[in-house]
Amino acid sequence: MAHVLLLGGTGEARALAGRLAGRPGLRVTLSLAGRTLAPAPQPVPVRVGGFGGATGLADYLKAEGIAAVIDATHPYAARISANAAEACAAAGVPLLALRRPPWERREGDRWREAVDVPAAIAALGAAPRRVFLALGRNEVRAAEAAPQHSYVVRSVDPIAPPLAVPDARYVLGRGPFTQEGDRALLAAHGIDAIVAKNSGGAATYGKIAAARALGIGVILIARPLMPDGPAVDDIGAAEAWLMATLAHRAGPAERGA
């Protein structure tokens, strides 16, 4: 039975795991970093937590007899992707990245790009603004450097402790989010700026479409550089790569030759 490691934490990882679940001769382990307190249910066995860097991951691949790895982590999980590339090279395990394409600018979008979250907060300027933060619960701490703004923070898990700023409101939610829902949210709070990642995909695009409709400026965090190597942007292509890779690695008897 071929053991496949799927590095997840995205909707694409969950969807791919669903396609692979129950396939004869295939065992899939989905790895989650553990940053979300209550992750969504998954269709395959889940491993939670880090591996101890690239060396620890390489040891895991060898110990578990992993036949292939698919990196379907978040587009901003640069450290995990770098560790995966280094570990798979060391262990001689085939690796494919399933990378979600970024959103493309459309007519009416008022976008600026910042190199990281602190730079995005600084780009808001000195004058008080009403800002919607769509970031990870650890990254929103950068907003404490600009307490003059009023913040609305949306996150999967509660922000604890709350931000050390005079005016912050918190909205719990897990995507997908709709344009209509996000437009109502932005309008209700009088938002005039959004800070977000260019995550790509449909699940969190609602705020981008809503910002366009309302004429709200968006500061997008630039995507990090990712390791070179085979990559696809489609779940079907990732599944096809895996099946072809496993067939190639199988012995003649296993292929029915």
C-alpha atoms as a PDB file:
ATOM      1  CA  MET A   1       0.000   0.000   0.000  1.00  0.00           C
ATOM      2  CA  ALA A   2       1.468   3.353  -1.063  1.00  0.00           C
ATOM      3  CA  HIS A   3       1.606   5.927   1.729  1.00  0.00           C
ATOM      4  CA  VAL A   4       1.117   9.522   0.559  1.00  0.00           C
ATOM      5  CA  LEU A   5       1.681  12.632   2.668  1.00  0.00           C
ATOM      6  CA  LEU A   6      -0.564  15.579   1.908  1.00  0.00           C
ATOM      7  CA  LEU A   7       0.555  18.858   3.484  1.00  0.00           C
ATOM      8  CA  GLY A   8      -2.683  20.724   3.990  1.00  0.00           C
ATOM      9  CA  GLY A   9      -4.550  23.490   5.695  1.00  0.00           C
ATOM     10  CA  THR A  10      -6.407  24.679   2.580  1.00  0.00           C
ATOM     11  CA  GLY A  11      -9.694  23.878   0.899  1.00  0.00           C
ATOM     12  CA  GLU A  12      -7.768  22.402  -2.006  1.00  0.00           C
ATOM     13  CA  ALA A  13      -6.015  19.946   0.315  1.00  0.00           C
ATOM     14  CA  ARG A  14      -9.325  18.853   1.788  1.00  0.00           C
ATOM     15  CA  ALA A  15     -10.882  18.444  -1.666  1.00  0.00           C
ATOM     16  CA  LEU A  16      -7.910  16.431  -2.922  1.00  0.00           C
ATOM     17  CA  ALA A  17      -7.989  14.265   0.196  1.00  0.00           C
ATOM     18  CA  GLY A  18     -11.646  13.576  -0.545  1.00  0.00           C
ATOM     19  CA  ARG A  19     -10.780  12.391  -4.042  1.00  0.00           C
ATOM     20  CA  LEU A  20      -8.036  10.115  -2.737  1.00  0.00           C
ATOM     21  CA  ALA A  21      -9.891   8.719   0.281  1.00  0.00           C
ATOM     22  CA  GLY A  22     -10.797   5.071  -0.048  1.00  0.00           C
ATOM     23  CA  ARG A  23      -8.710   4.404  -3.156  1.00  0.00           C
ATOM     24  CA  PRO A  24      -7.528   0.781  -3.160  1.00  0.00           C
ATOM     25  CA  GLY A  25      -3.835   0.434  -2.440  1.00  0.00           C
ATOM     26  CA  LEU A  26      -3.514   4.017  -1.251  1.00  0.00           C
ATOM     27  CA  ARG A  27      -3.031   5.357   2.272  1.00  0.00           C
ATOM     28  CA  VAL A  28      -3.208   9.126   2.717  1.00  0.00           C
ATOM     29  CA  THR A  29      -2.084  11.132   5.737  1.00  0.00           C
ATOM     30  CA  LEU A  30      -3.078  14.782   5.837  1.00  0.00           C
ATOM     31  CA  SER A  31      -0.713  16.989   7.833  1.00  0.00           C
ATOM     32  CA  LEU A  32      -1.970  20.190   9.473  1.00  0.00           C
ATOM     33  CA  ALA A  33       0.276  22.729  11.178  1.00  0.00           C
ATOM     34  CA  GLY A  34      -2.120  23.056  14.121  1.00  0.00           C
ATOM     35  CA  ARG A  35      -2.540  26.837  13.912  1.00  0.00           C
ATOM     36  CA  THR A  36      -6.336  26.574  13.785  1.00  0.00           C
ATOM     37  CA  LEU A  37      -7.860  25.545  17.101  1.00  0.00           C
ATOM     38  CA  ALA A  38     -10.845  23.733  15.560  1.00  0.00           C
ATOM     39  CA  PRO A  39      -9.923  22.597  12.033  1.00  0.00           C
ATOM     40  CA  ALA A  40     -12.627  21.482   9.639  1.00  0.00           C
ATOM     41  CA  PRO A  41     -13.353  17.724   9.473  1.00  0.00           C
ATOM     42  CA  GLN A  42     -11.166  15.880   6.985  1.00  0.00           C
ATOM     43  CA  PRO A  43     -11.880  12.777   4.875  1.00  0.00           C
ATOM     44  CA  VAL A  44      -8.564  11.045   5.671  1.00  0.00           C
ATOM     45  CA  PRO A  45      -6.447  10.495   8.814  1.00  0.00           C
ATOM     46  CA  VAL A  46      -4.882  13.717  10.090  1.00  0.00           C
ATOM     47  CA  ARG A  47      -1.519  14.440  11.668  1.00  0.00           C
ATOM     48  CA  VAL A  48      -1.316  17.733  13.575  1.00  0.00           C
ATOM     49  CA  GLY A  49       1.850  19.658  14.419  1.00  0.00           C
ATOM     50  CA  GLY A  50       5.278  20.352  13.010  1.00  0.00           C
ATOM     51  CA  PHE A  51       7.951  17.854  12.029  1.00  0.00           C
ATOM     52  CA  GLY A  52      10.988  19.630  13.455  1.00  0.00           C
ATOM     53  CA  GLY A  53      12.125  21.417  10.322  1.00  0.00           C
ATOM     54  CA  ALA A  54      13.380  19.896   7.106  1.00  0.00           C
ATOM     55  CA  THR A  55      15.524  17.303   8.886  1.00  0.00           C
ATOM     56  CA  GLY A  56      12.617  16.098  11.002  1.00  0.00           C
ATOM     57  CA  LEU A  57      10.374  15.903   7.975  1.00  0.00           C
ATOM     58  CA  ALA A  58      12.968  13.901   6.033  1.00  0.00           C
ATOM     59  CA  ASP A  59      13.201  11.471   8.958  1.00  0.00           C
ATOM     60  CA  TYR A  60       9.402  11.157   8.983  1.00  0.00           C
ATOM     61  CA  LEU A  61       9.281  10.453   5.247  1.00  0.00           C
ATOM     62  CA  LYS A  62      11.813   7.653   5.631  1.00  0.00           C
ATOM     63  CA  ALA A  63      10.271   6.173   8.778  1.00  0.00           C
ATOM     64  CA  GLU A  64       6.767   6.133   7.291  1.00  0.00           C
ATOM     65  CA  GLY A  65       7.866   4.913   3.870  1.00  0.00           C
ATOM     66  CA  ILE A  66       6.213   7.879   2.175  1.00  0.00           C
ATOM     67  CA  ALA A  67       5.941   7.298  -1.567  1.00  0.00           C
ATOM     68  CA  ALA A  68       5.025  10.857  -2.587  1.00  0.00           C
ATOM     69  CA  VAL A  69       4.303  14.252  -1.060  1.00  0.00           C
ATOM     70  CA  ILE A  70       1.844  16.880  -2.251  1.00  0.00           C
ATOM     71  CA  ASP A  71       2.339  20.337  -0.787  1.00  0.00           C
ATOM     72  CA  ALA A  72      -1.130  21.900  -0.713  1.00  0.00           C
ATOM     73  CA  THR A  73      -0.386  24.402   2.031  1.00  0.00           C
ATOM     74  CA  HIS A  74      -1.457  28.045   2.031  1.00  0.00           C
ATOM     75  CA  PRO A  75       0.219  30.253  -0.614  1.00  0.00           C
ATOM     76  CA  TYR A  76       1.913  32.160   2.228  1.00  0.00           C
ATOM     77  CA  ALA A  77       3.276  29.090   4.056  1.00  0.00           C
ATOM     78  CA  ALA A  78       6.752  29.658   2.637  1.00  0.00           C
ATOM     79  CA  ARG A  79       8.661  28.003   5.481  1.00  0.00           C
ATOM     80  CA  ILE A  80       6.651  24.780   5.276  1.00  0.00           C
ATOM     81  CA  SER A  81       7.086  24.637   1.500  1.00  0.00           C
ATOM     82  CA  ALA A  82      10.832  25.233   1.785  1.00  0.00           C
ATOM     83  CA  ASN A  83      11.141  22.476   4.390  1.00  0.00           C
ATOM     84  CA  ALA A  84       9.136  20.115   2.183  1.00  0.00           C
ATOM     85  CA  ALA A  85      11.403  20.748  -0.806  1.00  0.00           C
ATOM     86  CA  GLU A  86      14.559  20.201   1.235  1.00  0.00           C
ATOM     87  CA  ALA A  87      13.212  17.104   3.003  1.00  0.00           C
ATOM     88  CA  CYS A  88      11.927  15.425  -0.154  1.00  0.00           C
ATOM     89  CA  ALA A  89      15.244  16.033  -1.909  1.00  0.00           C
ATOM     90  CA  ALA A  90      17.114  14.501   1.030  1.00  0.00           C
ATOM     91  CA  ALA A  91      14.788  11.496   1.290  1.00  0.00           C
ATOM     92  CA  GLY A  92      14.420  10.945  -2.461  1.00  0.00           C
ATOM     93  CA  VAL A  93      10.654  11.337  -2.351  1.00  0.00           C
ATOM     94  CA  PRO A  94       8.747  12.903  -5.287  1.00  0.00           C
ATOM     95  CA  LEU A  95       7.153  16.255  -4.418  1.00  0.00           C
ATOM     96  CA  LEU A  96       4.434  18.242  -6.151  1.00  0.00           C
ATOM     97  CA  ALA A  97       3.199  21.688  -5.132  1.00  0.00           C
ATOM     98  CA  LEU A  98      -0.499  22.406  -5.529  1.00  0.00           C
ATOM     99  CA  ARG A  99      -0.443  26.210  -5.665  1.00  0.00           C
ATOM    100  CA  ARG A 100      -3.565  28.324  -5.875  1.00  0.00           C
ATOM    101  CA  PRO A 101      -3.224  31.127  -8.457  1.00  0.00           C
ATOM    102  CA  PRO A 102      -3.325  34.674  -7.049  1.00  0.00           C
ATOM    103  CA  TRP A 103      -6.208  37.029  -7.740  1.00  0.00           C
ATOM    104  CA  GLU A 104      -5.751  39.241 -10.773  1.00  0.00           C
ATOM    105  CA  ARG A 105      -6.485  42.953 -10.720  1.00  0.00           C
ATOM    106  CA  ARG A 106      -9.759  43.914 -12.410  1.00  0.00           C
ATOM    107  CA  GLU A 107     -11.134  47.248 -13.525  1.00  0.00           C
ATOM    108  CA  GLY A 108     -12.260  49.196 -10.469  1.00  0.00           C
ATOM    109  CA  ASP A 109      -9.863  47.517  -8.031  1.00  0.00           C
ATOM    110  CA  ARG A 110      -7.924  49.968  -5.866  1.00  0.00           C
ATOM    111  CA  TRP A 111      -4.968  47.815  -4.858  1.00  0.00           C
ATOM    112  CA  ARG A 112      -1.612  48.533  -3.295  1.00  0.00           C
ATOM    113  CA  GLU A 113       0.978  45.909  -2.450  1.00  0.00           C
ATOM    114  CA  ALA A 114       3.094  45.696   0.692  1.00  0.00           C
ATOM    115  CA  VAL A 115       6.039  43.397   1.303  1.00  0.00           C
ATOM    116  CA  ASP A 116       4.687  42.164   4.640  1.00  0.00           C
ATOM    117  CA  VAL A 117       2.038  42.849   7.278  1.00  0.00           C
ATOM    118  CA  PRO A 118       3.978  45.535   9.221  1.00  0.00           C
ATOM    119  CA  ALA A 119       4.566  47.393   5.945  1.00  0.00           C
ATOM    120  CA  ALA A 120       0.857  47.145   5.123  1.00  0.00           C
ATOM    121  CA  ILE A 121      -0.096  48.612   8.498  1.00  0.00           C
ATOM    122  CA  ALA A 122       2.389  51.440   7.988  1.00  0.00           C
ATOM    123  CA  ALA A 123       0.943  52.096   4.527  1.00  0.00           C
ATOM    124  CA  LEU A 124      -2.411  52.933   6.110  1.00  0.00           C
ATOM    125  CA  GLY A 125      -0.908  56.273   7.061  1.00  0.00           C
ATOM    126  CA  ALA A 126      -1.031  58.488  10.136  1.00  0.00           C
ATOM    127  CA  ALA A 127      -4.623  59.695   9.821  1.00  0.00           C
ATOM    128  CA  PRO A 128      -7.208  57.509  11.614  1.00  0.00           C
ATOM    129  CA  ARG A 129      -8.990  55.018   9.366  1.00  0.00           C
ATOM    130  CA  ARG A 130     -11.502  52.215   9.706  1.00  0.00           C
ATOM    131  CA  VAL A 131      -9.664  49.082   8.661  1.00  0.00           C
ATOM    132  CA  PHE A 132     -10.803  45.534   7.948  1.00  0.00           C
ATOM    133  CA  LEU A 133      -8.063  43.029   8.759  1.00  0.00           C
ATOM    134  CA  ALA A 134      -8.324  39.656   7.022  1.00  0.00           C
ATOM    135  CA  LEU A 135      -5.130  38.047   8.335  1.00  0.00           C
ATOM    136  CA  GLY A 136      -3.997  35.203  10.566  1.00  0.00           C
ATOM    137  CA  ARG A 137      -4.636  35.656  14.280  1.00  0.00           C
ATOM    138  CA  ASN A 138      -0.910  36.000  14.997  1.00  0.00           C
ATOM    139  CA  GLU A 139      -0.248  38.449  12.168  1.00  0.00           C
ATOM    140  CA  VAL A 140      -2.908  40.944  13.255  1.00  0.00           C
ATOM    141  CA  ARG A 141      -0.646  41.869  16.195  1.00  0.00           C
ATOM    142  CA  ALA A 142       1.173  44.169  13.775  1.00  0.00           C
ATOM    143  CA  ALA A 143      -1.847  46.506  14.027  1.00  0.00           C
ATOM    144  CA  GLU A 144      -0.802  47.403  17.572  1.00  0.00           C
ATOM    145  CA  ALA A 145       1.897  49.609  16.016  1.00  0.00           C
ATOM    146  CA  ALA A 146      -0.851  51.869  14.632  1.00  0.00           C
ATOM    147  CA  PRO A 147      -3.405  52.327  17.453  1.00  0.00           C
ATOM    148  CA  GLN A 148      -4.919  55.429  15.837  1.00  0.00           C
ATOM    149  CA  HIS A 149      -6.985  53.272  13.490  1.00  0.00           C
ATOM    150  CA  SER A 150     -10.233  51.459  14.240  1.00  0.00           C
ATOM    151  CA  TYR A 151     -10.047  47.788  13.329  1.00  0.00           C
ATOM    152  CA  VAL A 152     -12.493  45.061  12.421  1.00  0.00           C
ATOM    153  CA  VAL A 153     -10.723  41.705  12.603  1.00  0.00           C
ATOM    154  CA  ARG A 154     -12.115  38.538  11.036  1.00  0.00           C
ATOM    155  CA  SER A 155     -10.558  35.237  12.020  1.00  0.00           C
ATOM    156  CA  VAL A 156     -11.406  31.554  12.337  1.00  0.00           C
ATOM    157  CA  ASP A 157     -10.325  31.479  15.990  1.00  0.00           C
ATOM    158  CA  PRO A 158     -10.766  34.191  18.635  1.00  0.00           C
ATOM    159  CA  ILE A 159      -8.011  36.801  18.957  1.00  0.00           C
ATOM    160  CA  ALA A 160      -6.773  36.234  22.499  1.00  0.00           C
ATOM    161  CA  PRO A 161      -5.725  38.387  24.138  1.00  0.00           C
ATOM    162  CA  PRO A 162      -7.474  41.180  22.222  1.00  0.00           C
ATOM    163  CA  LEU A 163      -5.348  43.686  20.333  1.00  0.00           C
ATOM    164  CA  ALA A 164      -3.813  46.419  22.466  1.00  0.00           C
ATOM    165  CA  VAL A 165      -5.566  49.210  20.574  1.00  0.00           C
ATOM    166  CA  PRO A 166      -8.425  51.488  21.684  1.00  0.00           C
ATOM    167  CA  ASP A 167     -10.935  50.387  19.049  1.00  0.00           C
ATOM    168  CA  ALA A 168     -11.074  46.838  17.709  1.00  0.00           C
ATOM    169  CA  ARG A 169     -14.041  44.642  16.907  1.00  0.00           C
ATOM    170  CA  TYR A 170     -13.907  40.936  16.190  1.00  0.00           C
ATOM    171  CA  VAL A 171     -15.834  38.770  13.756  1.00  0.00           C
ATOM    172  CA  LEU A 172     -15.471  34.997  13.807  1.00  0.00           C
ATOM    173  CA  GLY A 173     -15.977  33.207  10.516  1.00  0.00           C
ATOM    174  CA  ARG A 174     -14.738  30.426   8.292  1.00  0.00           C
ATOM    175  CA  GLY A 175     -14.979  30.750   4.514  1.00  0.00           C
ATOM    176  CA  PRO A 176     -16.369  30.597   1.979  1.00  0.00           C
ATOM    177  CA  PHE A 177     -17.608  34.180   2.214  1.00  0.00           C
ATOM    178  CA  THR A 178     -19.953  35.784  -0.308  1.00  0.00           C
ATOM    179  CA  GLN A 179     -19.649  39.164  -1.962  1.00  0.00           C
ATOM    180  CA  GLU A 180     -23.065  40.132  -0.623  1.00  0.00           C
ATOM    181  CA  GLY A 181     -22.190  39.168   2.936  1.00  0.00           C
ATOM    182  CA  ASP A 182     -18.843  40.924   2.851  1.00  0.00           C
ATOM    183  CA  ARG A 183     -20.327  44.032   1.268  1.00  0.00           C
ATOM    184  CA  ALA A 184     -22.846  44.242   4.101  1.00  0.00           C
ATOM    185  CA  LEU A 185     -20.089  43.722   6.680  1.00  0.00           C
ATOM    186  CA  LEU A 186     -17.847  46.418   5.221  1.00  0.00           C
ATOM    187  CA  ALA A 187     -20.694  48.894   4.887  1.00  0.00           C
ATOM    188  CA  ALA A 188     -22.016  48.245   8.395  1.00  0.00           C
ATOM    189  CA  HIS A 189     -18.634  49.085   9.928  1.00  0.00           C
ATOM    190  CA  GLY A 190     -17.858  52.020   7.634  1.00  0.00           C
ATOM    191  CA  ILE A 191     -14.648  50.355   6.435  1.00  0.00           C
ATOM    192  CA  ASP A 192     -12.406  52.523   4.241  1.00  0.00           C
ATOM    193  CA  ALA A 193      -9.365  50.221   3.935  1.00  0.00           C
ATOM    194  CA  ILE A 194      -8.702  46.486   3.827  1.00  0.00           C
ATOM    195  CA  VAL A 195      -5.466  44.667   4.658  1.00  0.00           C
ATOM    196  CA  ALA A 196      -5.375  41.115   3.334  1.00  0.00           C
ATOM    197  CA  LYS A 197      -3.288  38.463   1.653  1.00  0.00           C
ATOM    198  CA  ASN A 198      -3.634  37.680  -2.038  1.00  0.00           C
ATOM    199  CA  SER A 199      -4.756  34.171  -1.152  1.00  0.00           C
ATOM    200  CA  GLY A 200      -6.444  33.416  -4.466  1.00  0.00           C
ATOM    201  CA  GLY A 201      -9.432  31.124  -4.914  1.00  0.00           C
ATOM    202  CA  ALA A 202     -13.130  31.781  -4.477  1.00  0.00           C
ATOM    203  CA  ALA A 203     -13.580  31.141  -0.744  1.00  0.00           C
ATOM    204  CA  THR A 204     -12.306  34.532   0.437  1.00  0.00           C
ATOM    205  CA  TYR A 205     -12.718  36.600  -2.751  1.00  0.00           C
ATOM    206  CA  GLY A 206     -15.954  38.126  -1.458  1.00  0.00           C
ATOM    207  CA  LYS A 207     -14.147  40.969   0.302  1.00  0.00           C
ATOM    208  CA  ILE A 208     -12.198  41.822  -2.856  1.00  0.00           C
ATOM    209  CA  ALA A 209     -15.337  41.998  -4.991  1.00  0.00           C
ATOM    210  CA  ALA A 210     -17.128  43.934  -2.251  1.00  0.00           C
ATOM    211  CA  ALA A 211     -14.255  46.411  -1.975  1.00  0.00           C
ATOM    212  CA  ARG A 212     -14.397  46.994  -5.730  1.00  0.00           C
ATOM    213  CA  ALA A 213     -18.129  47.647  -5.585  1.00  0.00           C
ATOM    214  CA  LEU A 214     -17.779  50.046  -2.645  1.00  0.00           C
ATOM    215  CA  GLY A 215     -14.654  51.813  -3.901  1.00  0.00           C
ATOM    216  CA  ILE A 216     -12.572  50.703  -0.907  1.00  0.00           C
ATOM    217  CA  GLY A 217      -8.801  50.555  -1.174  1.00  0.00           C
ATOM    218  CA  VAL A 218      -7.073  47.216  -0.526  1.00  0.00           C
ATOM    219  CA  ILE A 219      -3.511  46.672   0.670  1.00  0.00           C
ATOM    220  CA  LEU A 220      -2.411  43.188  -0.369  1.00  0.00           C
ATOM    221  CA  ILE A 221       0.559  41.406   1.178  1.00  0.00           C
ATOM    222  CA  ALA A 222       2.970  40.261  -1.519  1.00  0.00           C
ATOM    223  CA  ARG A 223       3.254  36.520  -1.946  1.00  0.00           C
ATOM    224  CA  PRO A 224       6.516  34.981  -0.723  1.00  0.00           C
ATOM    225  CA  LEU A 225       8.936  33.237  -3.040  1.00  0.00           C
ATOM    226  CA  MET A 226       8.411  29.498  -3.225  1.00  0.00           C
ATOM    227  CA  PRO A 227      10.913  26.711  -3.996  1.00  0.00           C
ATOM    228  CA  ASP A 228      11.412  25.651  -7.585  1.00  0.00           C
ATOM    229  CA  GLY A 229       9.966  22.306  -8.581  1.00  0.00           C
ATOM    230  CA  PRO A 230       6.942  20.656 -10.173  1.00  0.00           C
ATOM    231  CA  ALA A 231       3.757  22.602  -9.465  1.00  0.00           C
ATOM    232  CA  VAL A 232       0.144  22.625 -10.636  1.00  0.00           C
ATOM    233  CA  ASP A 233      -2.797  24.863  -9.859  1.00  0.00           C
ATOM    234  CA  ASP A 234      -5.591  22.325 -10.327  1.00  0.00           C
ATOM    235  CA  ILE A 235      -6.777  19.505  -8.057  1.00  0.00           C
ATOM    236  CA  GLY A 236      -7.369  17.181 -10.995  1.00  0.00           C
ATOM    237  CA  ALA A 237      -3.832  17.739 -12.244  1.00  0.00           C
ATOM    238  CA  ALA A 238      -2.446  16.984  -8.779  1.00  0.00           C
ATOM    239  CA  GLU A 239      -4.422  13.740  -8.629  1.00  0.00           C
ATOM    240  CA  ALA A 240      -3.212  12.746 -12.098  1.00  0.00           C
ATOM    241  CA  TRP A 241       0.407  13.483 -11.123  1.00  0.00           C
ATOM    242  CA  LEU A 242       0.099  11.339  -8.025  1.00  0.00           C
ATOM    243  CA  MET A 243      -1.371   8.370  -9.844  1.00  0.00           C
ATOM    244  CA  ALA A 244       1.283   8.564 -12.561  1.00  0.00           C
ATOM    245  CA  THR A 245       4.071   8.935  -9.992  1.00  0.00           C
ATOM    246  CA  LEU A 246       2.914   5.948  -7.965  1.00  0.00           C
ATOM    247  CA  ALA A 247       2.517   3.824 -11.089  1.00  0.00           C
ATOM    248  CA  HIS A 248       6.035   4.732 -12.203  1.00  0.00           C
ATOM    249  CA  ARG A 249       7.519   3.898  -8.806  1.00  0.00           C
ATOM    250  CA  ALA A 250       5.681   0.572  -8.543  1.00  0.00           C
ATOM    251  CA  GLY A 251       7.449  -2.631  -9.524  1.00  0.00           C
ATOM    252  CA  PRO A 252       6.379  -4.530 -12.662  1.00  0.00           C
ATOM    253  CA  ALA A 253       4.316  -6.978 -10.618  1.00  0.00           C
ATOM    254  CA  GLU A 254       2.408  -4.170  -8.950  1.00  0.00           C
ATOM    255  CA  ARG A 255       1.668  -2.594 -12.359  1.00  0.00           C
ATOM    256  CA  GLY A 256       0.376  -5.904 -13.625  1.00  0.00           C
ATOM    257  CA  ALA A 257       3.247  -6.432 -16.045  1.00  0.00           C
END
